[in-house]
Amino acid sequence: MNQRERLTISLDQPVAARVRQCGARTQGGASGYVERLVRADALREAANSLARWYAANPTYVEDSLAGTAAALDEAG
């Protein structure tokens, strides 16, 4: 189980009010709400990173499939 850590942040009043409002409606309160936002942001960042990698390596899938097919032919 992850150890919890206390964190103090400063937010503009409207943002703080929104965090409290959303936290009141969700499991884990304001902390749970912010934690879910951070996790969603990390997932979005990872997906964008993967998309950039595939864009930089456009033939990766085809090359990998060709390599697998060649290995199967040799083994077969």
N, C-alpha and C. Protein backbone atom coordinates (compact mmCIF):
# COMPACT_ATOMS: atom_id res chain seq x y z
N MET A 1 0.83 -1.18 0.00
CA MET A 1 0.00 0.00 0.00
C MET A 1 0.88 1.24 0.00
N ASN A 2 0.49 2.22 -0.80
CA ASN A 2 1.26 3.46 -0.87
C ASN A 2 1.10 4.27 0.41
N GLN A 3 2.18 4.86 0.83
CA GLN A 3 2.13 5.71 2.01
C GLN A 3 1.60 7.07 1.60
N ARG A 4 0.68 7.60 2.38
CA ARG A 4 0.08 8.90 2.09
C ARG A 4 1.05 10.00 2.53
N GLU A 5 1.03 11.10 1.82
CA GLU A 5 1.88 12.25 2.15
C GLU A 5 1.02 13.50 2.14
N ARG A 6 1.20 14.32 3.13
CA ARG A 6 0.46 15.58 3.21
C ARG A 6 1.18 16.61 2.34
N LEU A 7 0.38 17.39 1.59
CA LEU A 7 0.92 18.39 0.68
C LEU A 7 0.10 19.66 0.83
N THR A 8 0.77 20.78 0.95
CA THR A 8 0.07 22.06 1.04
C THR A 8 0.29 22.81 -0.27
N ILE A 9 -0.81 23.25 -0.89
CA ILE A 9 -0.71 24.01 -2.13
C ILE A 9 -1.54 25.28 -2.01
N SER A 10 -1.21 26.27 -2.81
CA SER A 10 -1.98 27.52 -2.85
C SER A 10 -2.71 27.59 -4.17
N LEU A 11 -4.01 27.87 -4.10
CA LEU A 11 -4.85 27.96 -5.30
C LEU A 11 -5.63 29.26 -5.27
N ASP A 12 -5.96 29.76 -6.44
CA ASP A 12 -6.88 30.89 -6.50
C ASP A 12 -8.20 30.48 -5.88
N GLN A 13 -8.94 31.43 -5.31
CA GLN A 13 -10.17 31.12 -4.60
C GLN A 13 -11.17 30.34 -5.46
N PRO A 14 -11.40 30.72 -6.72
CA PRO A 14 -12.36 29.94 -7.51
C PRO A 14 -11.92 28.50 -7.75
N VAL A 15 -10.63 28.30 -7.90
CA VAL A 15 -10.10 26.95 -8.10
C VAL A 15 -10.25 26.14 -6.82
N ALA A 16 -9.91 26.74 -5.70
CA ALA A 16 -10.06 26.05 -4.42
C ALA A 16 -11.52 25.69 -4.16
N ALA A 17 -12.43 26.60 -4.50
CA ALA A 17 -13.85 26.32 -4.32
C ALA A 17 -14.28 25.15 -5.20
N ARG A 18 -13.77 25.10 -6.41
CA ARG A 18 -14.11 24.00 -7.32
C ARG A 18 -13.59 22.67 -6.78
N VAL A 19 -12.37 22.66 -6.27
CA VAL A 19 -11.80 21.43 -5.70
C VAL A 19 -12.65 20.97 -4.52
N ARG A 20 -13.03 21.90 -3.65
CA ARG A 20 -13.88 21.52 -2.51
C ARG A 20 -15.24 21.00 -2.99
N GLN A 21 -15.83 21.66 -3.98
CA GLN A 21 -17.14 21.26 -4.50
C GLN A 21 -17.07 19.85 -5.10
N CYS A 22 -16.10 19.61 -5.95
CA CYS A 22 -15.96 18.29 -6.57
C CYS A 22 -15.56 17.24 -5.54
N GLY A 23 -14.71 17.62 -4.61
CA GLY A 23 -14.30 16.69 -3.56
C GLY A 23 -15.45 16.27 -2.68
N ALA A 24 -16.41 17.15 -2.49
CA ALA A 24 -17.57 16.82 -1.65
C ALA A 24 -18.45 15.76 -2.30
N ARG A 25 -18.35 15.62 -3.62
CA ARG A 25 -19.20 14.67 -4.35
C ARG A 25 -18.49 13.38 -4.70
N THR A 26 -17.21 13.27 -4.39
CA THR A 26 -16.46 12.10 -4.84
C THR A 26 -15.81 11.36 -3.67
N GLN A 27 -15.51 10.11 -3.93
CA GLN A 27 -14.84 9.28 -2.92
C GLN A 27 -13.45 9.84 -2.63
N GLY A 28 -13.11 9.94 -1.38
CA GLY A 28 -11.79 10.43 -1.00
C GLY A 28 -11.73 11.92 -0.78
N GLY A 29 -12.84 12.61 -0.98
CA GLY A 29 -12.88 14.05 -0.76
C GLY A 29 -11.99 14.81 -1.73
N ALA A 30 -11.55 15.99 -1.30
CA ALA A 30 -10.73 16.84 -2.15
C ALA A 30 -9.42 16.15 -2.53
N SER A 31 -8.83 15.43 -1.58
CA SER A 31 -7.58 14.73 -1.86
C SER A 31 -7.78 13.68 -2.95
N GLY A 32 -8.85 12.91 -2.84
CA GLY A 32 -9.13 11.89 -3.85
C GLY A 32 -9.40 12.50 -5.21
N TYR A 33 -10.11 13.62 -5.22
CA TYR A 33 -10.41 14.32 -6.47
C TYR A 33 -9.11 14.78 -7.15
N VAL A 34 -8.25 15.44 -6.40
CA VAL A 34 -6.98 15.93 -6.96
C VAL A 34 -6.11 14.75 -7.40
N GLU A 35 -6.09 13.68 -6.61
CA GLU A 35 -5.28 12.51 -6.97
C GLU A 35 -5.75 11.92 -8.30
N ARG A 36 -7.07 11.84 -8.50
CA ARG A 36 -7.58 11.32 -9.78
C ARG A 36 -7.20 12.23 -10.94
N LEU A 37 -7.24 13.55 -10.72
CA LEU A 37 -6.83 14.48 -11.77
C LEU A 37 -5.36 14.28 -12.15
N VAL A 38 -4.52 14.11 -11.14
CA VAL A 38 -3.09 13.92 -11.39
C VAL A 38 -2.84 12.60 -12.12
N ARG A 39 -3.53 11.54 -11.71
CA ARG A 39 -3.37 10.24 -12.38
C ARG A 39 -3.85 10.31 -13.83
N ALA A 40 -4.97 11.00 -14.07
CA ALA A 40 -5.47 11.15 -15.43
C ALA A 40 -4.48 11.94 -16.28
N ASP A 41 -3.87 12.96 -15.69
CA ASP A 41 -2.87 13.75 -16.40
C ASP A 41 -1.65 12.90 -16.74
N ALA A 42 -1.21 12.06 -15.81
CA ALA A 42 -0.06 11.18 -16.06
C ALA A 42 -0.38 10.19 -17.18
N LEU A 43 -1.60 9.66 -17.19
CA LEU A 43 -2.00 8.73 -18.24
C LEU A 43 -2.03 9.43 -19.60
N ARG A 44 -2.57 10.64 -19.63
CA ARG A 44 -2.62 11.42 -20.87
C ARG A 44 -1.21 11.71 -21.38
N GLU A 45 -0.31 12.05 -20.47
CA GLU A 45 1.08 12.32 -20.83
C GLU A 45 1.75 11.07 -21.39
N ALA A 46 1.50 9.92 -20.78
CA ALA A 46 2.08 8.66 -21.28
C ALA A 46 1.54 8.32 -22.66
N ALA A 47 0.25 8.53 -22.87
CA ALA A 47 -0.35 8.25 -24.18
C ALA A 47 0.23 9.17 -25.24
N ASN A 48 0.41 10.43 -24.91
CA ASN A 48 1.02 11.37 -25.86
C ASN A 48 2.46 10.99 -26.17
N SER A 49 3.19 10.54 -25.17
CA SER A 49 4.57 10.10 -25.37
C SER A 49 4.62 8.89 -26.30
N LEU A 50 3.71 7.95 -26.08
CA LEU A 50 3.65 6.76 -26.93
C LEU A 50 3.29 7.15 -28.36
N ALA A 51 2.35 8.07 -28.52
CA ALA A 51 1.97 8.53 -29.86
C ALA A 51 3.15 9.18 -30.57
N ARG A 52 3.93 9.98 -29.83
CA ARG A 52 5.12 10.60 -30.44
C ARG A 52 6.13 9.53 -30.85
N TRP A 53 6.29 8.48 -30.02
CA TRP A 53 7.25 7.42 -30.34
C TRP A 53 6.82 6.70 -31.62
N TYR A 54 5.54 6.34 -31.70
CA TYR A 54 5.05 5.66 -32.90
C TYR A 54 5.16 6.56 -34.13
N ALA A 55 4.95 7.86 -33.97
CA ALA A 55 5.11 8.79 -35.09
C ALA A 55 6.56 8.84 -35.55
N ALA A 56 7.50 8.73 -34.61
CA ALA A 56 8.92 8.75 -34.95
C ALA A 56 9.40 7.40 -35.48
N ASN A 57 8.64 6.33 -35.25
CA ASN A 57 8.99 4.98 -35.68
C ASN A 57 7.81 4.36 -36.43
N PRO A 58 7.44 4.94 -37.58
CA PRO A 58 6.20 4.54 -38.25
C PRO A 58 6.19 3.11 -38.77
N THR A 59 7.33 2.51 -38.99
CA THR A 59 7.33 1.14 -39.54
C THR A 59 7.57 0.08 -38.46
N TYR A 60 7.53 0.47 -37.20
CA TYR A 60 7.82 -0.46 -36.11
C TYR A 60 6.91 -1.68 -36.15
N VAL A 61 5.61 -1.47 -36.26
CA VAL A 61 4.67 -2.60 -36.22
C VAL A 61 4.92 -3.54 -37.39
N GLU A 62 5.03 -2.98 -38.59
CA GLU A 62 5.26 -3.82 -39.77
C GLU A 62 6.58 -4.56 -39.67
N ASP A 63 7.62 -3.86 -39.22
CA ASP A 63 8.94 -4.50 -39.07
C ASP A 63 8.89 -5.63 -38.04
N SER A 64 8.20 -5.40 -36.95
CA SER A 64 8.07 -6.41 -35.91
C SER A 64 7.31 -7.62 -36.41
N LEU A 65 6.21 -7.39 -37.12
CA LEU A 65 5.43 -8.50 -37.67
C LEU A 65 6.24 -9.28 -38.70
N ALA A 66 7.01 -8.57 -39.52
CA ALA A 66 7.84 -9.24 -40.51
C ALA A 66 8.91 -10.09 -39.83
N GLY A 67 9.49 -9.58 -38.76
CA GLY A 67 10.49 -10.34 -38.02
C GLY A 67 9.89 -11.58 -37.38
N THR A 68 8.70 -11.45 -36.85
CA THR A 68 8.02 -12.60 -36.25
C THR A 68 7.70 -13.64 -37.30
N ALA A 69 7.20 -13.19 -38.45
CA ALA A 69 6.86 -14.12 -39.53
C ALA A 69 8.10 -14.85 -40.02
N ALA A 70 9.22 -14.13 -40.15
CA ALA A 70 10.46 -14.76 -40.59
C ALA A 70 10.93 -15.81 -39.58
N ALA A 71 10.83 -15.49 -38.30
CA ALA A 71 11.25 -16.44 -37.27
C ALA A 71 10.36 -17.68 -37.29
N LEU A 72 9.07 -17.50 -37.50
CA LEU A 72 8.16 -18.64 -37.58
C LEU A 72 8.45 -19.50 -38.80
N ASP A 73 8.78 -18.85 -39.93
CA ASP A 73 9.13 -19.61 -41.14
C ASP A 73 10.38 -20.45 -40.91
N GLU A 74 11.38 -19.87 -40.23
CA GLU A 74 12.61 -20.61 -39.96
C GLU A 74 12.35 -21.78 -39.02
N ALA A 75 11.46 -21.60 -38.06
CA ALA A 75 11.18 -22.64 -37.08
C ALA A 75 10.27 -23.72 -37.66
N GLY A 76 9.48 -23.33 -38.66
CA GLY A 76 8.43 -24.18 -39.16
C GLY A 76 8.83 -25.29 -40.02
